[in-house]
Amino acid sequence: PLAKLLIVDDLVMLRKGVRILLEDAGFEVEEAGSGEEALQMVQNKPYDLIMTDLSMPGMSGIEWVRQMNPPREGRPAVLMLSARVTPAEVAEARSIGVRDVMQKPYRREALLAKIEELLEIDRRTIFAQREKEKRQKSASDRAEKDRKRKEAVEKKDGGHEAKGGEGKHDEKAAPA
């Protein structure tokens, strides 16, 4: 699969339709019918992207995303979907880490394009973080090897200096 997605919406037919579209496009897709169910799922499985409805009975999309985790690198990208969305809701969604908000109804092509865009952003972020960690580990490994090499040389040279040093001191001390 291209990526693992979670669709969170209380409307079964909408979830099924989007699931078919995304699976046909090569994505692995799972569904949750509520924010509460989604919270349990994201605690047990990693997802690359979460698509969630804004307005659901019980826990809204904003409420469950807020409870999911604080925004951080490596957290799944979140795309919020809503039939009615106000500028204040968009601002609130973005403040809790939602990457984008799309208004329903949407064209299939527009939804796929948005998902690909969000996943590419997420891949770049993850790739950049992994590369940074590799560079840091490599530098740390080199520093550790250099330290061990220096200790070995000092230990080796220290042994010679001790023997040679004592003799030299004795030689210098004898004439005096």
C-alpha atoms as a PDB file:
ATOM      1  CA  PRO A   1       0.000   0.000   0.000  1.00  0.00           C
ATOM      2  CA  LEU A   2       1.025   3.602  -0.619  1.00  0.00           C
ATOM      3  CA  ALA A   3       0.090   4.591   2.939  1.00  0.00           C
ATOM      4  CA  LYS A   4      -2.186   3.612   5.804  1.00  0.00           C
ATOM      5  CA  LEU A   5      -5.236   5.864   6.209  1.00  0.00           C
ATOM      6  CA  LEU A   6      -7.985   6.125   8.799  1.00  0.00           C
ATOM      7  CA  ILE A   7     -11.396   7.529   7.851  1.00  0.00           C
ATOM      8  CA  VAL A   8     -13.438   8.853  10.787  1.00  0.00           C
ATOM      9  CA  ASP A   9     -17.069   9.693   9.990  1.00  0.00           C
ATOM     10  CA  ASP A  10     -20.415   8.814  11.522  1.00  0.00           C
ATOM     11  CA  LEU A  11     -21.969   8.310   8.055  1.00  0.00           C
ATOM     12  CA  VAL A  12     -21.386   4.680   7.050  1.00  0.00           C
ATOM     13  CA  MET A  13     -22.125   5.200   3.347  1.00  0.00           C
ATOM     14  CA  LEU A  14     -19.686   8.105   3.123  1.00  0.00           C
ATOM     15  CA  ARG A  15     -16.940   6.050   4.819  1.00  0.00           C
ATOM     16  CA  LYS A  16     -17.552   3.092   2.511  1.00  0.00           C
ATOM     17  CA  GLY A  17     -17.503   5.266  -0.625  1.00  0.00           C
ATOM     18  CA  VAL A  18     -14.278   7.017   0.367  1.00  0.00           C
ATOM     19  CA  ARG A  19     -12.743   3.686   1.393  1.00  0.00           C
ATOM     20  CA  ILE A  20     -13.433   2.172  -2.048  1.00  0.00           C
ATOM     21  CA  LEU A  21     -11.985   5.245  -3.772  1.00  0.00           C
ATOM     22  CA  LEU A  22      -8.821   5.182  -1.648  1.00  0.00           C
ATOM     23  CA  GLU A  23      -8.289   1.427  -1.824  1.00  0.00           C
ATOM     24  CA  ASP A  24      -8.637   1.598  -5.616  1.00  0.00           C
ATOM     25  CA  ALA A  25      -5.929   4.287  -5.529  1.00  0.00           C
ATOM     26  CA  GLY A  26      -3.593   1.920  -3.655  1.00  0.00           C
ATOM     27  CA  PHE A  27      -4.050   2.974  -0.027  1.00  0.00           C
ATOM     28  CA  GLU A  28      -4.663   0.716   2.965  1.00  0.00           C
ATOM     29  CA  VAL A  29      -7.786   2.055   4.661  1.00  0.00           C
ATOM     30  CA  GLU A  30      -9.474   1.517   8.021  1.00  0.00           C
ATOM     31  CA  GLU A  31     -12.666   3.110   9.322  1.00  0.00           C
ATOM     32  CA  ALA A  32     -13.973   4.490  12.598  1.00  0.00           C
ATOM     33  CA  GLY A  33     -17.582   5.552  13.114  1.00  0.00           C
ATOM     34  CA  SER A  34     -16.883   7.970  15.969  1.00  0.00           C
ATOM     35  CA  GLY A  35     -14.205  10.056  17.628  1.00  0.00           C
ATOM     36  CA  GLU A  36     -14.159   7.675  20.576  1.00  0.00           C
ATOM     37  CA  GLU A  37     -13.506   4.693  18.307  1.00  0.00           C
ATOM     38  CA  ALA A  38     -10.834   6.643  16.420  1.00  0.00           C
ATOM     39  CA  LEU A  39      -9.018   7.491  19.666  1.00  0.00           C
ATOM     40  CA  GLN A  40      -8.765   3.800  20.515  1.00  0.00           C
ATOM     41  CA  MET A  41      -7.556   2.922  17.010  1.00  0.00           C
ATOM     42  CA  VAL A  42      -4.775   5.540  16.867  1.00  0.00           C
ATOM     43  CA  GLN A  43      -3.447   4.383  20.237  1.00  0.00           C
ATOM     44  CA  ASN A  44      -2.959   0.867  18.895  1.00  0.00           C
ATOM     45  CA  LYS A  45      -1.939   1.374  15.256  1.00  0.00           C
ATOM     46  CA  PRO A  46       0.164   3.845  13.295  1.00  0.00           C
ATOM     47  CA  TYR A  47      -1.497   5.756  10.454  1.00  0.00           C
ATOM     48  CA  ASP A  48       0.062   8.003   7.834  1.00  0.00           C
ATOM     49  CA  LEU A  49      -3.057  10.133   7.357  1.00  0.00           C
ATOM     50  CA  ILE A  50      -6.334  10.540   9.201  1.00  0.00           C
ATOM     51  CA  MET A  51      -9.408  11.964   7.501  1.00  0.00           C
ATOM     52  CA  THR A  52     -12.063  13.031   9.967  1.00  0.00           C
ATOM     53  CA  ASP A  53     -15.458  14.648   9.807  1.00  0.00           C
ATOM     54  CA  LEU A  54     -15.756  17.868  11.781  1.00  0.00           C
ATOM     55  CA  SER A  55     -19.369  17.378  12.923  1.00  0.00           C
ATOM     56  CA  MET A  56     -20.188  14.030  14.478  1.00  0.00           C
ATOM     57  CA  PRO A  57     -22.553  13.085  17.295  1.00  0.00           C
ATOM     58  CA  GLY A  58     -20.778  12.723  20.608  1.00  0.00           C
ATOM     59  CA  MET A  59     -17.157  13.721  20.133  1.00  0.00           C
ATOM     60  CA  SER A  60     -16.543  16.155  17.259  1.00  0.00           C
ATOM     61  CA  GLY A  61     -13.577  15.873  14.924  1.00  0.00           C
ATOM     62  CA  ILE A  62     -11.854  18.775  16.668  1.00  0.00           C
ATOM     63  CA  GLU A  63     -12.468  17.257  20.112  1.00  0.00           C
ATOM     64  CA  TRP A  64     -11.025  13.837  19.310  1.00  0.00           C
ATOM     65  CA  VAL A  65      -8.029  15.216  17.370  1.00  0.00           C
ATOM     66  CA  ARG A  66      -7.275  17.487  20.337  1.00  0.00           C
ATOM     67  CA  GLN A  67      -7.312  14.425  22.611  1.00  0.00           C
ATOM     68  CA  MET A  68      -5.295  12.263  20.205  1.00  0.00           C
ATOM     69  CA  ASN A  69      -1.899  13.739  21.069  1.00  0.00           C
ATOM     70  CA  PRO A  70      -0.273  17.114  21.077  1.00  0.00           C
ATOM     71  CA  PRO A  71       0.861  18.077  17.573  1.00  0.00           C
ATOM     72  CA  ARG A  72       4.367  16.742  16.957  1.00  0.00           C
ATOM     73  CA  GLU A  73       6.605  15.518  14.198  1.00  0.00           C
ATOM     74  CA  GLY A  74       5.754  12.017  13.196  1.00  0.00           C
ATOM     75  CA  ARG A  75       2.103  12.294  14.190  1.00  0.00           C
ATOM     76  CA  PRO A  76      -0.205  11.369  11.322  1.00  0.00           C
ATOM     77  CA  ALA A  77      -1.298  14.159   9.043  1.00  0.00           C
ATOM     78  CA  VAL A  78      -4.944  15.078   9.700  1.00  0.00           C
ATOM     79  CA  LEU A  79      -7.381  16.208   7.019  1.00  0.00           C
ATOM     80  CA  MET A  80     -10.674  17.514   8.363  1.00  0.00           C
ATOM     81  CA  LEU A  81     -13.808  17.284   6.213  1.00  0.00           C
ATOM     82  CA  SER A  82     -17.029  19.206   6.752  1.00  0.00           C
ATOM     83  CA  ALA A  83     -20.210  20.182   4.937  1.00  0.00           C
ATOM     84  CA  ARG A  84     -20.320  23.452   6.849  1.00  0.00           C
ATOM     85  CA  VAL A  85     -17.131  25.001   8.135  1.00  0.00           C
ATOM     86  CA  THR A  86     -16.557  28.491   9.482  1.00  0.00           C
ATOM     87  CA  PRO A  87     -13.282  30.425   9.408  1.00  0.00           C
ATOM     88  CA  ALA A  88     -13.169  30.103  13.220  1.00  0.00           C
ATOM     89  CA  GLU A  89     -13.437  26.308  12.967  1.00  0.00           C
ATOM     90  CA  VAL A  90     -10.656  26.235  10.371  1.00  0.00           C
ATOM     91  CA  ALA A  91      -8.447  28.334  12.667  1.00  0.00           C
ATOM     92  CA  GLU A  92      -9.224  26.103  15.650  1.00  0.00           C
ATOM     93  CA  ALA A  93      -8.549  22.947  13.617  1.00  0.00           C
ATOM     94  CA  ARG A  94      -5.186  24.259  12.449  1.00  0.00           C
ATOM     95  CA  SER A  95      -4.265  25.301  15.995  1.00  0.00           C
ATOM     96  CA  ILE A  96      -4.518  21.652  17.132  1.00  0.00           C
ATOM     97  CA  GLY A  97      -2.412  20.311  14.274  1.00  0.00           C
ATOM     98  CA  VAL A  98      -4.958  19.657  11.515  1.00  0.00           C
ATOM     99  CA  ARG A  99      -3.037  20.088   8.247  1.00  0.00           C
ATOM    100  CA  ASP A 100      -5.993  21.094   6.081  1.00  0.00           C
ATOM    101  CA  VAL A 101      -9.772  21.378   5.964  1.00  0.00           C
ATOM    102  CA  MET A 102     -11.850  20.401   2.918  1.00  0.00           C
ATOM    103  CA  GLN A 103     -15.468  21.251   2.418  1.00  0.00           C
ATOM    104  CA  LYS A 104     -17.972  18.517   1.473  1.00  0.00           C
ATOM    105  CA  PRO A 105     -18.983  17.678  -1.138  1.00  0.00           C
ATOM    106  CA  TYR A 106     -15.608  17.369  -2.829  1.00  0.00           C
ATOM    107  CA  ARG A 107     -14.539  15.953  -6.148  1.00  0.00           C
ATOM    108  CA  ARG A 108     -12.818  12.586  -6.033  1.00  0.00           C
ATOM    109  CA  GLU A 109      -9.797  13.977  -7.881  1.00  0.00           C
ATOM    110  CA  ALA A 110      -9.530  16.905  -5.466  1.00  0.00           C
ATOM    111  CA  LEU A 111      -9.630  14.561  -2.464  1.00  0.00           C
ATOM    112  CA  LEU A 112      -6.935  12.289  -3.917  1.00  0.00           C
ATOM    113  CA  ALA A 113      -4.761  15.292  -4.797  1.00  0.00           C
ATOM    114  CA  LYS A 114      -5.109  16.695  -1.264  1.00  0.00           C
ATOM    115  CA  ILE A 115      -4.228  13.330   0.311  1.00  0.00           C
ATOM    116  CA  GLU A 116      -1.165  12.967  -1.902  1.00  0.00           C
ATOM    117  CA  GLU A 117      -0.108  16.530  -1.073  1.00  0.00           C
ATOM    118  CA  LEU A 118      -0.463  15.959   2.675  1.00  0.00           C
ATOM    119  CA  LEU A 119       1.342  12.633   2.568  1.00  0.00           C
ATOM    120  CA  GLU A 120       4.223  14.131   0.597  1.00  0.00           C
ATOM    121  CA  ILE A 121       4.591  16.900   3.173  1.00  0.00           C
ATOM    122  CA  ASP A 122       4.550  14.297   5.928  1.00  0.00           C
ATOM    123  CA  ARG A 123       7.054  12.067   4.101  1.00  0.00           C
ATOM    124  CA  ARG A 124       9.439  14.992   3.655  1.00  0.00           C
ATOM    125  CA  THR A 125       9.168  15.892   7.345  1.00  0.00           C
ATOM    126  CA  ILE A 126       9.768  12.311   8.438  1.00  0.00           C
ATOM    127  CA  PHE A 127      12.598  11.854   5.917  1.00  0.00           C
ATOM    128  CA  ALA A 128      14.288  15.079   7.046  1.00  0.00           C
ATOM    129  CA  GLN A 129      14.018  14.026  10.699  1.00  0.00           C
ATOM    130  CA  ARG A 130      15.431  10.569   9.948  1.00  0.00           C
ATOM    131  CA  GLU A 131      18.320  12.050   7.965  1.00  0.00           C
ATOM    132  CA  LYS A 132      19.088  14.449  10.814  1.00  0.00           C
ATOM    133  CA  GLU A 133      19.081  11.546  13.284  1.00  0.00           C
ATOM    134  CA  LYS A 134      21.377   9.516  10.989  1.00  0.00           C
ATOM    135  CA  ARG A 135      23.831  12.428  10.733  1.00  0.00           C
ATOM    136  CA  GLN A 136      23.793  12.901  14.503  1.00  0.00           C
ATOM    137  CA  LYS A 137      24.321   9.179  15.109  1.00  0.00           C
ATOM    138  CA  SER A 138      27.090   9.065  12.522  1.00  0.00           C
ATOM    139  CA  ALA A 139      28.828  12.041  14.120  1.00  0.00           C
ATOM    140  CA  SER A 140      28.376  10.482  17.551  1.00  0.00           C
ATOM    141  CA  ASP A 141      29.727   7.139  16.309  1.00  0.00           C
ATOM    142  CA  ARG A 142      32.757   8.860  14.734  1.00  0.00           C
ATOM    143  CA  ALA A 143      33.424  10.782  17.931  1.00  0.00           C
ATOM    144  CA  GLU A 144      33.203   7.565  19.962  1.00  0.00           C
ATOM    145  CA  LYS A 145      35.578   5.746  17.580  1.00  0.00           C
ATOM    146  CA  ASP A 146      38.011   8.675  17.692  1.00  0.00           C
ATOM    147  CA  ARG A 147      37.851   8.707  21.496  1.00  0.00           C
ATOM    148  CA  LYS A 148      38.541   4.954  21.697  1.00  0.00           C
ATOM    149  CA  ARG A 149      41.339   5.200  19.143  1.00  0.00           C
ATOM    150  CA  LYS A 150      42.906   8.078  21.087  1.00  0.00           C
ATOM    151  CA  GLU A 151      42.623   6.135  24.369  1.00  0.00           C
ATOM    152  CA  ALA A 152      44.273   3.093  22.750  1.00  0.00           C
ATOM    153  CA  VAL A 153      47.098   5.224  21.352  1.00  0.00           C
ATOM    154  CA  GLU A 154      47.590   6.996  24.677  1.00  0.00           C
ATOM    155  CA  LYS A 155      47.589   3.683  26.510  1.00  0.00           C
ATOM    156  CA  LYS A 156      50.082   2.248  24.042  1.00  0.00           C
ATOM    157  CA  ASP A 157      52.269   5.375  24.000  1.00  0.00           C
ATOM    158  CA  GLY A 158      51.884   5.812  27.734  1.00  0.00           C
ATOM    159  CA  GLY A 159      53.405   2.388  28.311  1.00  0.00           C
ATOM    160  CA  HIS A 160      56.426   3.231  26.102  1.00  0.00           C
ATOM    161  CA  GLU A 161      56.877   6.631  27.650  1.00  0.00           C
ATOM    162  CA  ALA A 162      56.826   5.179  31.121  1.00  0.00           C
ATOM    163  CA  LYS A 163      59.622   2.726  30.295  1.00  0.00           C
ATOM    164  CA  GLY A 164      61.554   5.155  28.149  1.00  0.00           C
ATOM    165  CA  GLY A 165      60.867   8.026  30.489  1.00  0.00           C
ATOM    166  CA  GLU A 166      62.267   6.250  33.504  1.00  0.00           C
ATOM    167  CA  GLY A 167      65.483   5.359  31.712  1.00  0.00           C
ATOM    168  CA  LYS A 168      65.951   8.867  30.421  1.00  0.00           C
ATOM    169  CA  HIS A 169      65.407  10.311  33.853  1.00  0.00           C
ATOM    170  CA  ASP A 170      67.922   7.841  35.270  1.00  0.00           C
ATOM    171  CA  GLU A 171      70.457   8.743  32.596  1.00  0.00           C
ATOM    172  CA  LYS A 172      69.989  12.452  33.224  1.00  0.00           C
ATOM    173  CA  ALA A 173      70.025  11.945  36.956  1.00  0.00           C
ATOM    174  CA  ALA A 174      73.279   9.921  36.986  1.00  0.00           C
ATOM    175  CA  PRO A 175      75.575  12.638  35.596  1.00  0.00           C
ATOM    176  CA  ALA A 176      74.156  15.265  37.897  1.00  0.00           C
END
